[in-house]
Amino acid sequence: SSGINAEYGWLYREMLFTKELLLAIIEGESNMSTRFLDCYDRTLKPHHNMVSRSVYLVASKAIPYREDMLRALGHDGMANTDTTVLYDMRTYSSAIGTIAGYLEKFYIDNKLLS
């Protein structure tokens, strides 16, 4: 049972990280590397060991610029792909927030969140 609780705890934290990163893109943050690390510091870093922290630090250096990311995600040949991609990101971010809220409530109600 504790293994399952730990896995759901990681799922919850990863969802918060993903939601915050999507919001950073939506808000127009151009320095995604810095924002990636900010999101990481608030959500995952307190639960990681030194090796995991180093991996995220290295990964942050490989994050593309916002414009390049939007162009790659929306590469379907249609006009206004940035608008479409941002709309989808808002939708996913909202859904992730809803699911994370359910997980958080479950953890709080059952005194499992640490």
N, C-alpha and C. Protein backbone atom coordinates (compact mmCIF):
# COMPACT_ATOMS: atom_id res chain seq x y z
N SER A 1 0.82 -1.20 0.00
CA SER A 1 0.00 0.00 0.00
C SER A 1 0.86 1.26 0.00
N SER A 2 1.96 1.25 0.78
CA SER A 2 2.80 2.45 0.83
C SER A 2 3.48 2.72 -0.50
N GLY A 3 3.78 1.65 -1.27
CA GLY A 3 4.36 1.82 -2.60
C GLY A 3 3.40 2.54 -3.53
N ILE A 4 2.13 2.16 -3.45
CA ILE A 4 1.11 2.80 -4.28
C ILE A 4 0.95 4.26 -3.87
N ASN A 5 0.95 4.52 -2.57
CA ASN A 5 0.83 5.90 -2.09
C ASN A 5 1.99 6.74 -2.59
N ALA A 6 3.19 6.17 -2.56
CA ALA A 6 4.37 6.91 -3.03
C ALA A 6 4.25 7.20 -4.52
N GLU A 7 3.78 6.24 -5.29
CA GLU A 7 3.63 6.44 -6.74
C GLU A 7 2.60 7.51 -7.04
N TYR A 8 1.50 7.50 -6.33
CA TYR A 8 0.49 8.55 -6.54
C TYR A 8 1.03 9.91 -6.10
N GLY A 9 1.86 9.92 -5.08
CA GLY A 9 2.49 11.16 -4.67
C GLY A 9 3.38 11.73 -5.77
N TRP A 10 4.14 10.86 -6.42
CA TRP A 10 4.98 11.31 -7.54
C TRP A 10 4.13 11.76 -8.72
N LEU A 11 3.05 11.04 -8.98
CA LEU A 11 2.15 11.44 -10.05
C LEU A 11 1.62 12.85 -9.79
N TYR A 12 1.20 13.09 -8.56
CA TYR A 12 0.68 14.40 -8.16
C TYR A 12 1.72 15.50 -8.38
N ARG A 13 2.94 15.27 -7.91
CA ARG A 13 4.00 16.27 -8.05
C ARG A 13 4.36 16.51 -9.52
N GLU A 14 4.42 15.44 -10.31
CA GLU A 14 4.73 15.59 -11.74
C GLU A 14 3.63 16.37 -12.45
N MET A 15 2.38 16.15 -12.05
CA MET A 15 1.27 16.89 -12.65
C MET A 15 1.38 18.37 -12.33
N LEU A 16 1.73 18.69 -11.09
CA LEU A 16 1.91 20.10 -10.72
C LEU A 16 3.04 20.74 -11.52
N PHE A 17 4.13 20.01 -11.69
CA PHE A 17 5.25 20.51 -12.48
C PHE A 17 4.81 20.77 -13.92
N THR A 18 4.13 19.82 -14.52
CA THR A 18 3.68 19.96 -15.91
C THR A 18 2.71 21.12 -16.05
N LYS A 19 1.79 21.24 -15.11
CA LYS A 19 0.82 22.34 -15.16
C LYS A 19 1.54 23.69 -15.09
N GLU A 20 2.48 23.83 -14.17
CA GLU A 20 3.20 25.10 -14.03
C GLU A 20 4.02 25.42 -15.28
N LEU A 21 4.62 24.40 -15.88
CA LEU A 21 5.41 24.62 -17.08
C LEU A 21 4.53 25.03 -18.25
N LEU A 22 3.37 24.40 -18.39
CA LEU A 22 2.43 24.81 -19.45
C LEU A 22 1.97 26.25 -19.24
N LEU A 23 1.70 26.61 -17.98
CA LEU A 23 1.28 27.99 -17.70
C LEU A 23 2.38 28.99 -18.04
N ALA A 24 3.62 28.61 -17.82
CA ALA A 24 4.75 29.49 -18.17
C ALA A 24 4.79 29.74 -19.67
N ILE A 25 4.52 28.71 -20.44
CA ILE A 25 4.51 28.86 -21.90
C ILE A 25 3.33 29.74 -22.31
N ILE A 26 2.17 29.48 -21.73
CA ILE A 26 0.97 30.25 -22.05
C ILE A 26 1.16 31.73 -21.72
N GLU A 27 1.80 32.01 -20.59
CA GLU A 27 1.99 33.38 -20.15
C GLU A 27 3.01 34.14 -20.99
N GLY A 28 3.71 33.44 -21.86
CA GLY A 28 4.64 34.11 -22.76
C GLY A 28 6.06 34.20 -22.26
N GLU A 29 6.41 33.41 -21.27
CA GLU A 29 7.79 33.40 -20.78
C GLU A 29 8.73 33.03 -21.90
N SER A 30 9.71 33.88 -22.20
CA SER A 30 10.63 33.58 -23.30
C SER A 30 11.83 32.76 -22.84
N ASN A 31 12.26 32.95 -21.59
CA ASN A 31 13.39 32.18 -21.07
C ASN A 31 12.87 30.91 -20.41
N MET A 32 12.62 29.90 -21.22
CA MET A 32 12.01 28.68 -20.72
C MET A 32 12.94 27.89 -19.81
N SER A 33 14.23 28.02 -20.00
CA SER A 33 15.18 27.30 -19.16
C SER A 33 15.06 27.76 -17.70
N THR A 34 15.02 29.07 -17.50
CA THR A 34 14.88 29.61 -16.16
C THR A 34 13.53 29.23 -15.56
N ARG A 35 12.48 29.34 -16.34
CA ARG A 35 11.13 29.01 -15.85
C ARG A 35 11.00 27.53 -15.53
N PHE A 36 11.64 26.67 -16.36
CA PHE A 36 11.67 25.24 -16.11
C PHE A 36 12.25 24.96 -14.72
N LEU A 37 13.38 25.60 -14.43
CA LEU A 37 14.01 25.41 -13.13
C LEU A 37 13.17 25.98 -11.99
N ASP A 38 12.50 27.11 -12.22
CA ASP A 38 11.60 27.67 -11.21
C ASP A 38 10.48 26.68 -10.88
N CYS A 39 9.88 26.13 -11.92
CA CYS A 39 8.80 25.15 -11.73
C CYS A 39 9.34 23.92 -11.01
N TYR A 40 10.51 23.48 -11.42
CA TYR A 40 11.13 22.32 -10.78
C TYR A 40 11.40 22.59 -9.30
N ASP A 41 11.96 23.75 -9.00
CA ASP A 41 12.29 24.10 -7.61
C ASP A 41 11.05 24.06 -6.70
N ARG A 42 9.91 24.50 -7.23
CA ARG A 42 8.68 24.56 -6.42
C ARG A 42 7.97 23.22 -6.28
N THR A 43 8.14 22.33 -7.23
CA THR A 43 7.31 21.12 -7.24
C THR A 43 8.07 19.83 -6.98
N LEU A 44 9.21 19.65 -7.59
CA LEU A 44 9.89 18.36 -7.53
C LEU A 44 11.19 18.35 -6.73
N LYS A 45 11.93 19.42 -6.80
CA LYS A 45 13.26 19.47 -6.18
C LYS A 45 13.27 19.06 -4.70
N PRO A 46 12.27 19.50 -3.90
CA PRO A 46 12.32 19.10 -2.49
C PRO A 46 12.24 17.59 -2.26
N HIS A 47 11.84 16.84 -3.28
CA HIS A 47 11.66 15.40 -3.12
C HIS A 47 12.72 14.59 -3.86
N HIS A 48 13.69 15.27 -4.48
CA HIS A 48 14.72 14.60 -5.26
C HIS A 48 16.05 14.57 -4.54
N ASN A 49 16.85 13.56 -4.89
CA ASN A 49 18.21 13.49 -4.38
C ASN A 49 19.13 14.29 -5.31
N MET A 50 20.39 14.33 -4.99
CA MET A 50 21.35 15.14 -5.74
C MET A 50 21.46 14.70 -7.20
N VAL A 51 21.41 13.39 -7.46
CA VAL A 51 21.54 12.89 -8.83
C VAL A 51 20.36 13.37 -9.68
N SER A 52 19.16 13.24 -9.14
CA SER A 52 17.97 13.68 -9.88
C SER A 52 18.00 15.18 -10.12
N ARG A 53 18.44 15.93 -9.14
CA ARG A 53 18.54 17.38 -9.30
C ARG A 53 19.50 17.74 -10.43
N SER A 54 20.61 17.01 -10.51
CA SER A 54 21.59 17.26 -11.56
C SER A 54 21.01 16.96 -12.94
N VAL A 55 20.20 15.91 -13.03
CA VAL A 55 19.59 15.55 -14.31
C VAL A 55 18.65 16.67 -14.77
N TYR A 56 17.86 17.20 -13.86
CA TYR A 56 16.95 18.29 -14.22
C TYR A 56 17.71 19.56 -14.58
N LEU A 57 18.81 19.80 -13.93
CA LEU A 57 19.63 20.97 -14.26
C LEU A 57 20.17 20.85 -15.68
N VAL A 58 20.68 19.68 -16.02
CA VAL A 58 21.19 19.45 -17.38
C VAL A 58 20.04 19.54 -18.39
N ALA A 59 18.89 18.95 -18.06
CA ALA A 59 17.73 18.98 -18.97
C ALA A 59 17.28 20.41 -19.23
N SER A 60 17.41 21.27 -18.24
CA SER A 60 16.96 22.66 -18.41
C SER A 60 17.76 23.38 -19.49
N LYS A 61 18.98 22.94 -19.72
CA LYS A 61 19.83 23.58 -20.74
C LYS A 61 19.39 23.20 -22.16
N ALA A 62 18.60 22.13 -22.28
CA ALA A 62 18.18 21.65 -23.61
C ALA A 62 16.79 22.15 -24.01
N ILE A 63 16.16 22.97 -23.16
CA ILE A 63 14.81 23.44 -23.44
C ILE A 63 14.86 24.48 -24.55
N PRO A 64 14.03 24.32 -25.57
CA PRO A 64 14.04 25.30 -26.67
C PRO A 64 13.39 26.62 -26.25
N TYR A 65 13.63 27.65 -27.07
CA TYR A 65 12.94 28.91 -26.86
C TYR A 65 11.44 28.70 -27.07
N ARG A 66 10.65 29.53 -26.44
CA ARG A 66 9.19 29.41 -26.51
C ARG A 66 8.69 29.39 -27.95
N GLU A 67 9.18 30.32 -28.75
CA GLU A 67 8.72 30.42 -30.14
C GLU A 67 9.03 29.15 -30.92
N ASP A 68 10.23 28.60 -30.69
CA ASP A 68 10.61 27.36 -31.37
C ASP A 68 9.75 26.19 -30.90
N MET A 69 9.44 26.17 -29.62
CA MET A 69 8.61 25.10 -29.08
C MET A 69 7.20 25.17 -29.67
N LEU A 70 6.63 26.36 -29.70
CA LEU A 70 5.29 26.50 -30.26
C LEU A 70 5.26 26.13 -31.74
N ARG A 71 6.30 26.53 -32.45
CA ARG A 71 6.37 26.21 -33.88
C ARG A 71 6.45 24.69 -34.08
N ALA A 72 7.25 24.02 -33.26
CA ALA A 72 7.40 22.56 -33.38
C ALA A 72 6.11 21.84 -32.99
N LEU A 73 5.46 22.31 -31.94
CA LEU A 73 4.22 21.66 -31.50
C LEU A 73 3.06 21.90 -32.46
N GLY A 74 3.09 23.01 -33.15
CA GLY A 74 1.99 23.34 -34.04
C GLY A 74 2.32 23.12 -35.50
N HIS A 75 3.32 22.35 -35.77
CA HIS A 75 3.77 22.14 -37.15
C HIS A 75 2.80 21.22 -37.91
N ASP A 76 1.71 21.82 -38.35
CA ASP A 76 0.73 21.06 -39.12
C ASP A 76 0.38 21.77 -40.42
N GLY A 77 1.10 22.85 -40.72
CA GLY A 77 0.87 23.57 -41.96
C GLY A 77 -0.33 24.50 -41.96
N MET A 78 -1.02 24.60 -40.84
CA MET A 78 -2.20 25.46 -40.77
C MET A 78 -1.82 26.84 -40.25
N ALA A 79 -2.62 27.84 -40.58
CA ALA A 79 -2.40 29.19 -40.07
C ALA A 79 -2.79 29.25 -38.59
N ASN A 80 -2.24 30.21 -37.88
CA ASN A 80 -2.56 30.44 -36.46
C ASN A 80 -2.26 29.23 -35.58
N THR A 81 -1.19 28.52 -35.89
CA THR A 81 -0.88 27.34 -35.07
C THR A 81 -0.53 27.72 -33.63
N ASP A 82 0.12 28.87 -33.44
CA ASP A 82 0.44 29.30 -32.07
C ASP A 82 -0.84 29.41 -31.25
N THR A 83 -1.86 30.02 -31.83
CA THR A 83 -3.14 30.18 -31.13
C THR A 83 -3.74 28.83 -30.78
N THR A 84 -3.70 27.91 -31.72
CA THR A 84 -4.25 26.57 -31.50
C THR A 84 -3.46 25.83 -30.42
N VAL A 85 -2.14 25.89 -30.51
CA VAL A 85 -1.30 25.21 -29.52
C VAL A 85 -1.53 25.79 -28.13
N LEU A 86 -1.58 27.12 -28.03
CA LEU A 86 -1.81 27.75 -26.73
C LEU A 86 -3.19 27.40 -26.18
N TYR A 87 -4.19 27.34 -27.04
CA TYR A 87 -5.53 26.93 -26.61
C TYR A 87 -5.49 25.51 -26.05
N ASP A 88 -4.82 24.61 -26.76
CA ASP A 88 -4.71 23.23 -26.29
C ASP A 88 -3.95 23.16 -24.97
N MET A 89 -2.91 23.98 -24.84
CA MET A 89 -2.14 23.99 -23.58
C MET A 89 -3.02 24.46 -22.42
N ARG A 90 -3.84 25.48 -22.66
CA ARG A 90 -4.76 25.94 -21.61
C ARG A 90 -5.71 24.82 -21.21
N THR A 91 -6.23 24.11 -22.20
CA THR A 91 -7.16 23.01 -21.94
C THR A 91 -6.48 21.93 -21.11
N TYR A 92 -5.29 21.51 -21.53
CA TYR A 92 -4.57 20.47 -20.80
C TYR A 92 -4.16 20.93 -19.41
N SER A 93 -3.71 22.17 -19.31
CA SER A 93 -3.31 22.70 -18.01
C SER A 93 -4.49 22.71 -17.04
N SER A 94 -5.64 23.11 -17.52
CA SER A 94 -6.84 23.12 -16.69
C SER A 94 -7.21 21.70 -16.26
N ALA A 95 -7.15 20.76 -17.19
CA ALA A 95 -7.48 19.37 -16.87
C ALA A 95 -6.49 18.79 -15.86
N ILE A 96 -5.21 19.08 -16.06
CA ILE A 96 -4.20 18.60 -15.12
C ILE A 96 -4.46 19.20 -13.73
N GLY A 97 -4.79 20.48 -13.69
CA GLY A 97 -5.09 21.12 -12.41
C GLY A 97 -6.28 20.48 -11.71
N THR A 98 -7.30 20.13 -12.47
CA THR A 98 -8.48 19.47 -11.89
C THR A 98 -8.11 18.12 -11.31
N ILE A 99 -7.39 17.32 -12.08
CA ILE A 99 -6.99 15.98 -11.61
C ILE A 99 -6.06 16.09 -10.41
N ALA A 100 -5.10 17.01 -10.47
CA ALA A 100 -4.19 17.20 -9.34
C ALA A 100 -4.96 17.64 -8.09
N GLY A 101 -6.00 18.44 -8.28
CA GLY A 101 -6.84 18.85 -7.15
C GLY A 101 -7.54 17.67 -6.50
N TYR A 102 -8.03 16.74 -7.32
CA TYR A 102 -8.66 15.52 -6.78
C TYR A 102 -7.64 14.68 -6.00
N LEU A 103 -6.43 14.54 -6.57
CA LEU A 103 -5.39 13.78 -5.87
C LEU A 103 -5.01 14.45 -4.55
N GLU A 104 -4.87 15.78 -4.58
CA GLU A 104 -4.51 16.50 -3.36
C GLU A 104 -5.59 16.33 -2.30
N LYS A 105 -6.85 16.45 -2.69
CA LYS A 105 -7.95 16.28 -1.74
C LYS A 105 -7.93 14.88 -1.14
N PHE A 106 -7.72 13.88 -1.97
CA PHE A 106 -7.64 12.50 -1.49
C PHE A 106 -6.51 12.34 -0.47
N TYR A 107 -5.34 12.90 -0.82
CA TYR A 107 -4.20 12.81 0.09
C TYR A 107 -4.45 13.54 1.40
N ILE A 108 -5.04 14.71 1.33
CA ILE A 108 -5.32 15.48 2.55
C ILE A 108 -6.37 14.77 3.40
N ASP A 109 -7.45 14.33 2.76
CA ASP A 109 -8.53 13.65 3.48
C ASP A 109 -8.05 12.38 4.17
N ASN A 110 -7.07 11.71 3.59
CA ASN A 110 -6.56 10.46 4.14
C ASN A 110 -5.22 10.63 4.86
N LYS A 111 -4.83 11.90 5.07
CA LYS A 111 -3.59 12.23 5.78
C LYS A 111 -2.38 11.51 5.19
N LEU A 112 -2.28 11.53 3.87
CA LEU A 112 -1.20 10.84 3.16
C LEU A 112 -0.19 11.80 2.56
N LEU A 113 -0.51 13.07 2.45
CA LEU A 113 0.36 14.03 1.79
C LEU A 113 1.47 14.48 2.74
N SER A 114 2.71 14.39 2.23
CA SER A 114 3.82 14.83 3.07
C SER A 114 4.62 15.88 2.37
